[in-house]
C-alpha atoms as a PDB file:
ATOM      1  CA  MET A   1      32.262 127.496 181.260  1.00  0.00           C
ATOM      2  CA  LYS A   2      35.593 125.554 181.048  1.00  0.00           C
ATOM      3  CA  GLU A   3      35.386 122.409 179.088  1.00  0.00           C
ATOM      4  CA  ALA A   4      37.444 119.376 178.431  1.00  0.00           C
ATOM      5  CA  LEU A   5      37.328 116.709 175.689  1.00  0.00           C
ATOM      6  CA  LEU A   6      36.561 113.161 177.017  1.00  0.00           C
ATOM      7  CA  ILE A   7      37.440 110.474 174.655  1.00  0.00           C
ATOM      8  CA  ILE A   8      36.080 107.034 175.853  1.00  0.00           C
ATOM      9  CA  ASP A   9      37.697 103.528 175.015  1.00  0.00           C
ATOM     10  CA  VAL A  10      38.834 104.274 171.596  1.00  0.00           C
ATOM     11  CA  GLN A  11      41.026 101.075 171.724  1.00  0.00           C
ATOM     12  CA  ASN A  12      42.377  98.454 169.026  1.00  0.00           C
ATOM     13  CA  ASP A  13      39.904  95.829 169.950  1.00  0.00           C
ATOM     14  CA  TYR A  14      37.088  97.844 168.528  1.00  0.00           C
ATOM     15  CA  PHE A  15      38.562  98.241 165.036  1.00  0.00           C
ATOM     16  CA  PRO A  16      38.897  95.929 162.084  1.00  0.00           C
ATOM     17  CA  GLY A  17      41.332  93.105 163.369  1.00  0.00           C
ATOM     18  CA  GLY A  18      40.317  93.656 166.987  1.00  0.00           C
ATOM     19  CA  SER A  19      38.266  91.069 169.134  1.00  0.00           C
ATOM     20  CA  ASN A  20      35.131  93.142 169.404  1.00  0.00           C
ATOM     21  CA  GLU A  21      34.789  95.034 166.143  1.00  0.00           C
ATOM     22  CA  LEU A  22      32.207  97.846 166.266  1.00  0.00           C
ATOM     23  CA  TYR A  23      29.853  99.332 163.360  1.00  0.00           C
ATOM     24  CA  LYS A  24      31.851 102.089 161.716  1.00  0.00           C
ATOM     25  CA  PRO A  25      34.444 102.747 164.085  1.00  0.00           C
ATOM     26  CA  LEU A  26      36.844 104.336 161.730  1.00  0.00           C
ATOM     27  CA  GLU A  27      34.277 106.937 160.761  1.00  0.00           C
ATOM     28  CA  ALA A  28      33.716 107.882 164.432  1.00  0.00           C
ATOM     29  CA  GLU A  29      37.325 107.842 164.893  1.00  0.00           C
ATOM     30  CA  LYS A  30      37.989 110.432 162.171  1.00  0.00           C
ATOM     31  CA  ARG A  31      35.503 112.834 163.735  1.00  0.00           C
ATOM     32  CA  ILE A  32      37.455 112.200 167.192  1.00  0.00           C
ATOM     33  CA  ALA A  33      40.694 113.063 165.576  1.00  0.00           C
ATOM     34  CA  GLU A  34      39.235 116.424 164.326  1.00  0.00           C
ATOM     35  CA  LEU A  35      37.976 117.033 167.988  1.00  0.00           C
ATOM     36  CA  ILE A  36      41.501 116.224 169.323  1.00  0.00           C
ATOM     37  CA  ARG A  37      42.905 118.793 166.805  1.00  0.00           C
ATOM     38  CA  GLU A  38      40.391 121.402 167.814  1.00  0.00           C
ATOM     39  CA  SER A  39      41.063 120.898 171.425  1.00  0.00           C
ATOM     40  CA  ARG A  40      44.764 121.153 171.151  1.00  0.00           C
ATOM     41  CA  ASP A  41      44.522 124.378 169.089  1.00  0.00           C
ATOM     42  CA  THR A  42      42.298 126.036 171.659  1.00  0.00           C
ATOM     43  CA  GLY A  43      43.767 124.765 174.761  1.00  0.00           C
ATOM     44  CA  ARG A  44      40.901 122.364 175.612  1.00  0.00           C
ATOM     45  CA  PRO A  45      42.156 119.472 177.891  1.00  0.00           C
ATOM     46  CA  VAL A  46      42.109 116.215 176.102  1.00  0.00           C
ATOM     47  CA  ILE A  47      41.390 113.267 178.423  1.00  0.00           C
ATOM     48  CA  TYR A  48      41.396 109.714 177.269  1.00  0.00           C
ATOM     49  CA  ILE A  49      39.659 106.909 179.034  1.00  0.00           C
ATOM     50  CA  GLN A  50      41.199 103.355 178.612  1.00  0.00           C
ATOM     51  CA  HIS A  51      39.095 100.386 179.730  1.00  0.00           C
ATOM     52  CA  PHE A  52      40.684  97.071 180.886  1.00  0.00           C
ATOM     53  CA  ASN A  53      38.550  94.013 181.345  1.00  0.00           C
ATOM     54  CA  PRO A  54      39.227  90.949 183.635  1.00  0.00           C
ATOM     55  CA  ASP A  55      41.826  88.446 182.179  1.00  0.00           C
ATOM     56  CA  ASP A  56      39.232  86.002 181.326  1.00  0.00           C
ATOM     57  CA  ASP A  57      37.437  88.243 179.034  1.00  0.00           C
ATOM     58  CA  TYR A  58      37.806  88.180 175.166  1.00  0.00           C
ATOM     59  CA  PHE A  59      38.762  91.859 174.715  1.00  0.00           C
ATOM     60  CA  PHE A  60      40.411  94.817 176.542  1.00  0.00           C
ATOM     61  CA  ILE A  61      42.836  92.686 178.270  1.00  0.00           C
ATOM     62  CA  GLU A  62      45.511  94.634 179.911  1.00  0.00           C
ATOM     63  CA  GLY A  63      48.982  94.409 178.108  1.00  0.00           C
ATOM     64  CA  THR A  64      47.468  93.355 174.908  1.00  0.00           C
ATOM     65  CA  TRP A  65      47.534  95.248 171.609  1.00  0.00           C
ATOM     66  CA  GLY A  66      43.735  95.279 171.595  1.00  0.00           C
ATOM     67  CA  ALA A  67      43.629  97.145 174.779  1.00  0.00           C
ATOM     68  CA  GLU A  68      45.949  99.835 173.409  1.00  0.00           C
ATOM     69  CA  ILE A  69      44.512 103.224 172.414  1.00  0.00           C
ATOM     70  CA  SER A  70      44.364 103.442 168.723  1.00  0.00           C
ATOM     71  CA  GLU A  71      47.550 104.668 167.248  1.00  0.00           C
ATOM     72  CA  ARG A  72      45.774 107.085 165.030  1.00  0.00           C
ATOM     73  CA  ILE A  73      44.649 109.302 167.935  1.00  0.00           C
ATOM     74  CA  LYS A  74      47.091 108.414 170.609  1.00  0.00           C
ATOM     75  CA  PRO A  75      47.722 110.601 173.649  1.00  0.00           C
ATOM     76  CA  GLU A  76      50.483 113.238 173.418  1.00  0.00           C
ATOM     77  CA  ALA A  77      52.299 114.984 176.229  1.00  0.00           C
ATOM     78  CA  GLY A  78      49.956 116.932 178.397  1.00  0.00           C
ATOM     79  CA  ASP A  79      47.020 114.547 177.574  1.00  0.00           C
ATOM     80  CA  LYS A  80      45.593 112.709 180.597  1.00  0.00           C
ATOM     81  CA  VAL A  81      45.092 108.816 180.301  1.00  0.00           C
ATOM     82  CA  ILE A  82      42.651 107.246 182.930  1.00  0.00           C
ATOM     83  CA  VAL A  83      42.222 103.774 183.425  1.00  0.00           C
ATOM     84  CA  LYS A  84      38.847 102.253 184.211  1.00  0.00           C
ATOM     85  CA  ARG A  85      37.313  98.856 184.921  1.00  0.00           C
ATOM     86  CA  TYR A  86      33.675  99.561 184.664  1.00  0.00           C
ATOM     87  CA  PRO A  87      31.304 101.091 181.982  1.00  0.00           C
ATOM     88  CA  ASN A  88      31.119 104.276 184.056  1.00  0.00           C
ATOM     89  CA  SER A  89      34.352 106.287 183.819  1.00  0.00           C
ATOM     90  CA  PHE A  90      33.819 108.066 187.263  1.00  0.00           C
ATOM     91  CA  LEU A  91      33.569 104.614 188.986  1.00  0.00           C
ATOM     92  CA  GLU A  92      36.692 103.982 191.152  1.00  0.00           C
ATOM     93  CA  THR A  93      38.597 106.367 188.796  1.00  0.00           C
ATOM     94  CA  GLU A  94      40.383 109.666 189.478  1.00  0.00           C
ATOM     95  CA  LEU A  95      38.391 111.150 186.797  1.00  0.00           C
ATOM     96  CA  ASP A  96      36.056 113.492 188.919  1.00  0.00           C
ATOM     97  CA  GLU A  97      39.013 114.553 191.050  1.00  0.00           C
ATOM     98  CA  TYR A  98      41.054 115.336 187.998  1.00  0.00           C
ATOM     99  CA  LEU A  99      38.412 117.533 186.303  1.00  0.00           C
ATOM    100  CA  LYS A 100      37.757 119.517 189.515  1.00  0.00           C
ATOM    101  CA  SER A 101      41.422 119.970 189.736  1.00  0.00           C
ATOM    102  CA  LEU A 102      41.238 121.676 186.286  1.00  0.00           C
ATOM    103  CA  GLY A 103      37.904 123.612 187.142  1.00  0.00           C
ATOM    104  CA  ILE A 104      36.170 121.765 184.420  1.00  0.00           C
ATOM    105  CA  ASP A 105      32.360 122.111 184.431  1.00  0.00           C
ATOM    106  CA  THR A 106      31.691 120.922 180.918  1.00  0.00           C
ATOM    107  CA  LEU A 107      32.600 117.766 179.074  1.00  0.00           C
ATOM    108  CA  LEU A 108      32.719 117.388 175.348  1.00  0.00           C
ATOM    109  CA  VAL A 109      32.192 113.357 175.119  1.00  0.00           C
ATOM    110  CA  CYS A 110      32.916 111.277 172.278  1.00  0.00           C
ATOM    111  CA  GLY A 111      33.958 107.297 172.212  1.00  0.00           C
ATOM    112  CA  MET A 112      32.961 104.028 172.118  1.00  0.00           C
ATOM    113  CA  MET A 113      30.458 102.170 172.720  1.00  0.00           C
ATOM    114  CA  THR A 114      27.356 104.432 172.603  1.00  0.00           C
ATOM    115  CA  HIS A 115      25.212 101.851 174.224  1.00  0.00           C
ATOM    116  CA  MET A 116      27.427 101.133 177.058  1.00  0.00           C
ATOM    117  CA  CYS A 117      30.417 103.331 178.271  1.00  0.00           C
ATOM    118  CA  VAL A 118      29.570 106.393 176.583  1.00  0.00           C
ATOM    119  CA  ASP A 119      25.820 106.274 177.888  1.00  0.00           C
ATOM    120  CA  THR A 120      26.921 105.186 181.368  1.00  0.00           C
ATOM    121  CA  THR A 121      29.498 108.141 181.697  1.00  0.00           C
ATOM    122  CA  VAL A 122      27.277 110.665 180.398  1.00  0.00           C
ATOM    123  CA  ARG A 123      24.544 109.792 182.645  1.00  0.00           C
ATOM    124  CA  ALA A 124      27.081 109.703 185.662  1.00  0.00           C
ATOM    125  CA  ALA A 125      28.414 113.137 184.522  1.00  0.00           C
ATOM    126  CA  MET A 126      25.150 114.568 185.361  1.00  0.00           C
ATOM    127  CA  ASP A 127      25.274 113.003 188.915  1.00  0.00           C
ATOM    128  CA  HIS A 128      28.666 114.696 189.349  1.00  0.00           C
ATOM    129  CA  GLY A 129      27.327 118.220 188.190  1.00  0.00           C
ATOM    130  CA  TYR A 130      28.946 118.366 184.803  1.00  0.00           C
ATOM    131  CA  THR A 131      27.329 119.731 181.741  1.00  0.00           C
ATOM    132  CA  VAL A 132      27.660 117.412 178.922  1.00  0.00           C
ATOM    133  CA  ARG A 133      27.927 118.062 175.062  1.00  0.00           C
ATOM    134  CA  LEU A 134      27.873 114.832 173.261  1.00  0.00           C
ATOM    135  CA  GLU A 135      29.366 114.559 169.874  1.00  0.00           C
ATOM    136  CA  ALA A 136      27.044 111.852 168.369  1.00  0.00           C
ATOM    137  CA  ASP A 137      29.054 111.312 165.029  1.00  0.00           C
ATOM    138  CA  ALA A 138      32.230 110.743 167.090  1.00  0.00           C
ATOM    139  CA  CYS A 139      30.582 107.746 168.723  1.00  0.00           C
ATOM    140  CA  ALA A 140      30.247 104.134 167.623  1.00  0.00           C
ATOM    141  CA  THR A 141      28.350 100.973 168.763  1.00  0.00           C
ATOM    142  CA  MET A 142      27.468  97.423 167.536  1.00  0.00           C
ATOM    143  CA  ASP A 143      24.474  95.426 166.783  1.00  0.00           C
ATOM    144  CA  LEU A 144      22.564  94.024 170.016  1.00  0.00           C
ATOM    145  CA  THR A 145      20.363  90.885 170.278  1.00  0.00           C
ATOM    146  CA  ILE A 146      17.461  90.235 172.371  1.00  0.00           C
ATOM    147  CA  ASN A 147      15.107  87.510 172.461  1.00  0.00           C
ATOM    148  CA  GLY A 148      16.726  86.255 169.117  1.00  0.00           C
ATOM    149  CA  GLU A 149      15.996  89.709 167.413  1.00  0.00           C
ATOM    150  CA  VAL A 150      18.955  91.523 166.106  1.00  0.00           C
ATOM    151  CA  ILE A 151      18.846  95.320 166.766  1.00  0.00           C
ATOM    152  CA  PRO A 152      21.034  97.161 164.107  1.00  0.00           C
ATOM    153  CA  ALA A 153      23.908  99.295 165.395  1.00  0.00           C
ATOM    154  CA  GLU A 154      22.501 102.304 163.666  1.00  0.00           C
ATOM    155  CA  THR A 155      19.274 101.852 165.519  1.00  0.00           C
ATOM    156  CA  VAL A 156      21.049 101.267 168.751  1.00  0.00           C
ATOM    157  CA  HIS A 157      23.088 104.203 168.274  1.00  0.00           C
ATOM    158  CA  LYS A 158      20.166 106.555 167.492  1.00  0.00           C
ATOM    159  CA  ALA A 159      18.160 105.233 170.437  1.00  0.00           C
ATOM    160  CA  PHE A 160      20.815 105.788 172.935  1.00  0.00           C
ATOM    161  CA  ILE A 161      21.470 109.222 171.463  1.00  0.00           C
ATOM    162  CA  ALA A 162      18.056 110.147 171.681  1.00  0.00           C
ATOM    163  CA  ALA A 163      17.608 108.889 175.240  1.00  0.00           C
ATOM    164  CA  MET A 164      20.495 110.954 176.430  1.00  0.00           C
ATOM    165  CA  ASP A 165      19.178 113.983 174.488  1.00  0.00           C
ATOM    166  CA  GLY A 166      18.024 116.991 176.817  1.00  0.00           C
ATOM    167  CA  ILE A 167      18.373 115.907 180.339  1.00  0.00           C
ATOM    168  CA  PHE A 168      21.654 114.162 180.023  1.00  0.00           C
ATOM    169  CA  ALA A 169      23.449 115.867 177.389  1.00  0.00           C
ATOM    170  CA  GLU A 170      23.209 118.473 174.535  1.00  0.00           C
ATOM    171  CA  ILE A 171      23.668 116.346 171.293  1.00  0.00           C
ATOM    172  CA  ILE A 172      26.000 117.788 168.684  1.00  0.00           C
END
C-alpha cells in the first residue's frame, strides 16, 4: 500500500472573512495541519487540490485572496498543487495521472466541503481504483436548505460521512 494525503479546497473563502464561510473550518484545518505534519514526517506525498470557479461566481475566483490556499497549511517545496474547476478532483485534471506516476493506490482524504467536493472526489476515487481513508474530523461543510428547511451543517456532515462509509471509504 502506498498512500498520499489529498487535501481538497482548503482555501480562504471558506474561513471567517471569506465569501463562503463554512461551519467550524478552523477545527477541520487544525486536524489537516496535523495530517500534513505526519505526512511530511513519514514521507507520505502531500497533494493539494485548489478549486477555481467561473469569474461570475461569488467565491474561489482565480487571482483573489479567497481562492488562495490557507496560509496556515500552505504547500511547501515538494508538495503538489492541482487546480480543478469541478467538484470531482479527477475531472479534467492531472490527479489520476500524477497518483499513478507515484504508484499511489490509497488516498487519505480531507478538506472542504464534505457534502460537495469531498464526497464527489471520494466516490470518483473508487471509480479510478483507489482505496480511500477519509479523515472525518478534518473536513468541514455548511448548512444546506431544501424546501425552506435548514439542514444544520453537523447533520449534513454526519449524513455524508455515513453515506461514504464502507463502500466508498474507510472513515477515520
